[in-house]
Amino acid sequence: MPKTPQKTPASPPAATPPTKAAQVRDLLTRPEGATLADLCAATGWQPHSARAALSRLRKDGTAIERTAGESGAASIYRIAAAGAAG
Protein backbone atom coordinates (compact mmCIF):
# COMPACT_ATOMS: atom_id res chain seq x y z
CA MET A 1 0.00 0.00 0.00
CA PRO A 2 1.47 3.39 -0.96
CA LYS A 3 1.99 5.89 1.79
CA THR A 4 -0.05 9.03 1.57
CA PRO A 5 1.38 12.24 2.90
CA GLN A 6 -0.16 13.19 6.20
CA LYS A 7 -1.62 16.61 6.51
CA THR A 8 -0.32 18.70 9.31
CA PRO A 9 -2.98 20.39 11.37
CA ALA A 10 -3.44 23.99 10.42
CA SER A 11 -2.06 26.31 13.02
CA PRO A 12 -4.23 29.23 14.03
CA PRO A 13 -3.20 32.50 12.41
CA ALA A 14 -0.82 34.55 14.49
CA ALA A 15 -2.51 37.39 16.29
CA THR A 16 -1.55 40.73 14.86
CA PRO A 17 0.01 43.06 17.39
CA PRO A 18 -2.06 46.09 18.35
CA THR A 19 -1.40 49.25 16.39
CA LYS A 20 0.27 52.17 18.09
CA ALA A 21 -2.99 54.10 17.84
CA ALA A 22 -4.71 51.25 19.69
CA GLN A 23 -1.97 51.33 22.32
CA VAL A 24 -2.57 55.06 22.82
CA ARG A 25 -6.31 54.51 23.16
CA ASP A 26 -5.73 51.69 25.68
CA LEU A 27 -3.48 53.91 27.80
CA LEU A 28 -6.03 56.71 27.75
CA THR A 29 -8.84 54.41 28.89
CA ARG A 30 -6.99 53.37 32.06
CA PRO A 31 -8.52 54.86 35.22
CA GLU A 32 -5.26 56.69 35.96
CA GLY A 33 -4.98 57.94 32.37
CA ALA A 34 -1.59 58.55 30.77
CA THR A 35 1.04 61.25 30.66
CA LEU A 36 2.76 62.34 27.48
CA ALA A 37 5.83 60.43 28.71
CA ASP A 38 3.69 57.26 29.08
CA LEU A 39 2.47 57.61 25.50
CA CYS A 40 6.01 58.18 24.20
CA ALA A 41 7.40 55.21 26.12
CA ALA A 42 4.66 52.85 24.91
CA THR A 43 4.87 53.83 21.25
CA GLY A 44 8.45 54.96 20.77
CA TRP A 45 7.16 58.24 19.38
CA GLN A 46 8.58 61.71 19.95
CA PRO A 47 6.41 64.04 22.08
CA HIS A 48 5.14 66.00 19.07
CA SER A 49 3.94 62.74 17.47
CA ALA A 50 2.14 61.67 20.65
CA ARG A 51 0.41 65.07 20.82
CA ALA A 52 -0.59 64.68 17.16
CA ALA A 53 -2.16 61.31 18.01
CA LEU A 54 -4.22 63.02 20.73
CA SER A 55 -5.31 65.63 18.19
CA ARG A 56 -6.32 62.91 15.73
CA LEU A 57 -8.46 61.24 18.38
CA ARG A 58 -10.15 64.56 19.12
CA LYS A 59 -10.71 65.17 15.41
CA ASP A 60 -12.33 61.73 15.13
CA GLY A 61 -14.80 62.70 17.87
CA THR A 62 -13.17 61.21 20.97
CA ALA A 63 -13.46 63.51 23.98
CA ILE A 64 -10.12 63.67 25.76
CA GLU A 65 -9.83 65.37 29.12
CA ARG A 66 -6.58 66.85 30.36
CA THR A 67 -5.84 67.24 34.04
CA ALA A 68 -3.00 69.64 34.80
CA GLY A 69 -0.32 68.19 37.00
CA GLU A 70 0.23 69.74 40.41
CA SER A 71 3.23 72.04 40.90
CA GLY A 72 4.97 71.28 37.64
CA ALA A 73 3.98 67.62 37.34
CA ALA A 74 3.06 66.28 33.91
CA SER A 75 -0.50 66.60 32.64
CA ILE A 76 -2.68 63.49 32.68
CA TYR A 77 -4.77 62.65 29.61
CA ARG A 78 -7.86 60.41 29.71
CA ILE A 79 -10.69 59.54 27.39
CA ALA A 80 -13.62 61.42 28.89
CA ALA A 81 -16.63 59.57 30.22
CA ALA A 82 -19.63 59.35 27.90
CA GLY A 83 -21.52 62.62 27.81
CA ALA A 84 -18.57 64.71 28.98
CA ALA A 85 -17.20 67.36 26.67
CA GLY A 86 -13.47 67.86 26.32
C-alpha atoms as a PDB file:
ATOM      1  CA  MET A   1       0.000   0.000   0.000  1.00  0.00           C
ATOM      2  CA  PRO A   2       1.474   3.393  -0.964  1.00  0.00           C
ATOM      3  CA  LYS A   3       1.991   5.892   1.794  1.00  0.00           C
ATOM      4  CA  THR A   4      -0.049   9.035   1.567  1.00  0.00           C
ATOM      5  CA  PRO A   5       1.381  12.240   2.902  1.00  0.00           C
ATOM      6  CA  GLN A   6      -0.156  13.188   6.196  1.00  0.00           C
ATOM      7  CA  LYS A   7      -1.621  16.610   6.515  1.00  0.00           C
ATOM      8  CA  THR A   8      -0.316  18.698   9.311  1.00  0.00           C
ATOM      9  CA  PRO A   9      -2.976  20.389  11.372  1.00  0.00           C
ATOM     10  CA  ALA A  10      -3.440  23.990  10.415  1.00  0.00           C
ATOM     11  CA  SER A  11      -2.059  26.306  13.023  1.00  0.00           C
ATOM     12  CA  PRO A  12      -4.226  29.228  14.025  1.00  0.00           C
ATOM     13  CA  PRO A  13      -3.200  32.502  12.410  1.00  0.00           C
ATOM     14  CA  ALA A  14      -0.822  34.550  14.490  1.00  0.00           C
ATOM     15  CA  ALA A  15      -2.509  37.388  16.289  1.00  0.00           C
ATOM     16  CA  THR A  16      -1.549  40.731  14.860  1.00  0.00           C
ATOM     17  CA  PRO A  17       0.011  43.056  17.390  1.00  0.00           C
ATOM     18  CA  PRO A  18      -2.059  46.094  18.346  1.00  0.00           C
ATOM     19  CA  THR A  19      -1.396  49.246  16.390  1.00  0.00           C
ATOM     20  CA  LYS A  20       0.270  52.167  18.090  1.00  0.00           C
ATOM     21  CA  ALA A  21      -2.986  54.105  17.843  1.00  0.00           C
ATOM     22  CA  ALA A  22      -4.711  51.251  19.693  1.00  0.00           C
ATOM     23  CA  GLN A  23      -1.970  51.328  22.324  1.00  0.00           C
ATOM     24  CA  VAL A  24      -2.566  55.060  22.822  1.00  0.00           C
ATOM     25  CA  ARG A  25      -6.311  54.505  23.164  1.00  0.00           C
ATOM     26  CA  ASP A  26      -5.728  51.689  25.682  1.00  0.00           C
ATOM     27  CA  LEU A  27      -3.475  53.908  27.796  1.00  0.00           C
ATOM     28  CA  LEU A  28      -6.028  56.711  27.754  1.00  0.00           C
ATOM     29  CA  THR A  29      -8.842  54.414  28.891  1.00  0.00           C
ATOM     30  CA  ARG A  30      -6.989  53.370  32.058  1.00  0.00           C
ATOM     31  CA  PRO A  31      -8.520  54.862  35.222  1.00  0.00           C
ATOM     32  CA  GLU A  32      -5.258  56.692  35.958  1.00  0.00           C
ATOM     33  CA  GLY A  33      -4.975  57.938  32.371  1.00  0.00           C
ATOM     34  CA  ALA A  34      -1.585  58.549  30.774  1.00  0.00           C
ATOM     35  CA  THR A  35       1.041  61.248  30.656  1.00  0.00           C
ATOM     36  CA  LEU A  36       2.761  62.335  27.484  1.00  0.00           C
ATOM     37  CA  ALA A  37       5.828  60.431  28.710  1.00  0.00           C
ATOM     38  CA  ASP A  38       3.694  57.261  29.078  1.00  0.00           C
ATOM     39  CA  LEU A  39       2.471  57.610  25.496  1.00  0.00           C
ATOM     40  CA  CYS A  40       6.008  58.178  24.195  1.00  0.00           C
ATOM     41  CA  ALA A  41       7.401  55.208  26.125  1.00  0.00           C
ATOM     42  CA  ALA A  42       4.664  52.851  24.914  1.00  0.00           C
ATOM     43  CA  THR A  43       4.866  53.829  21.250  1.00  0.00           C
ATOM     44  CA  GLY A  44       8.453  54.956  20.769  1.00  0.00           C
ATOM     45  CA  TRP A  45       7.160  58.243  19.383  1.00  0.00           C
ATOM     46  CA  GLN A  46       8.581  61.708  19.949  1.00  0.00           C
ATOM     47  CA  PRO A  47       6.409  64.041  22.084  1.00  0.00           C
ATOM     48  CA  HIS A  48       5.139  65.998  19.068  1.00  0.00           C
ATOM     49  CA  SER A  49       3.939  62.744  17.473  1.00  0.00           C
ATOM     50  CA  ALA A  50       2.142  61.675  20.649  1.00  0.00           C
ATOM     51  CA  ARG A  51       0.412  65.074  20.819  1.00  0.00           C
ATOM     52  CA  ALA A  52      -0.592  64.677  17.163  1.00  0.00           C
ATOM     53  CA  ALA A  53      -2.165  61.311  18.010  1.00  0.00           C
ATOM     54  CA  LEU A  54      -4.215  63.020  20.732  1.00  0.00           C
ATOM     55  CA  SER A  55      -5.307  65.634  18.187  1.00  0.00           C
ATOM     56  CA  ARG A  56      -6.318  62.914  15.728  1.00  0.00           C
ATOM     57  CA  LEU A  57      -8.455  61.239  18.384  1.00  0.00           C
ATOM     58  CA  ARG A  58     -10.146  64.563  19.118  1.00  0.00           C
ATOM     59  CA  LYS A  59     -10.706  65.171  15.407  1.00  0.00           C
ATOM     60  CA  ASP A  60     -12.327  61.735  15.134  1.00  0.00           C
ATOM     61  CA  GLY A  61     -14.798  62.704  17.867  1.00  0.00           C
ATOM     62  CA  THR A  62     -13.175  61.213  20.973  1.00  0.00           C
ATOM     63  CA  ALA A  63     -13.465  63.506  23.984  1.00  0.00           C
ATOM     64  CA  ILE A  64     -10.118  63.668  25.765  1.00  0.00           C
ATOM     65  CA  GLU A  65      -9.834  65.373  29.121  1.00  0.00           C
ATOM     66  CA  ARG A  66      -6.580  66.852  30.360  1.00  0.00           C
ATOM     67  CA  THR A  67      -5.843  67.243  34.043  1.00  0.00           C
ATOM     68  CA  ALA A  68      -3.004  69.640  34.799  1.00  0.00           C
ATOM     69  CA  GLY A  69      -0.316  68.189  37.002  1.00  0.00           C
ATOM     70  CA  GLU A  70       0.229  69.738  40.409  1.00  0.00           C
ATOM     71  CA  SER A  71       3.229  72.043  40.900  1.00  0.00           C
ATOM     72  CA  GLY A  72       4.974  71.282  37.643  1.00  0.00           C
ATOM     73  CA  ALA A  73       3.982  67.619  37.339  1.00  0.00           C
ATOM     74  CA  ALA A  74       3.060  66.278  33.912  1.00  0.00           C
ATOM     75  CA  SER A  75      -0.504  66.600  32.640  1.00  0.00           C
ATOM     76  CA  ILE A  76      -2.677  63.493  32.676  1.00  0.00           C
ATOM     77  CA  TYR A  77      -4.772  62.651  29.612  1.00  0.00           C
ATOM     78  CA  ARG A  78      -7.861  60.415  29.712  1.00  0.00           C
ATOM     79  CA  ILE A  79     -10.694  59.539  27.391  1.00  0.00           C
ATOM     80  CA  ALA A  80     -13.620  61.424  28.891  1.00  0.00           C
ATOM     81  CA  ALA A  81     -16.632  59.573  30.215  1.00  0.00           C
ATOM     82  CA  ALA A  82     -19.631  59.351  27.899  1.00  0.00           C
ATOM     83  CA  GLY A  83     -21.519  62.616  27.811  1.00  0.00           C
ATOM     84  CA  ALA A  84     -18.571  64.714  28.980  1.00  0.00           C
ATOM     85  CA  ALA A  85     -17.203  67.365  26.672  1.00  0.00           C
ATOM     86  CA  GLY A  86     -13.467  67.864  26.316  1.00  0.00           C
END
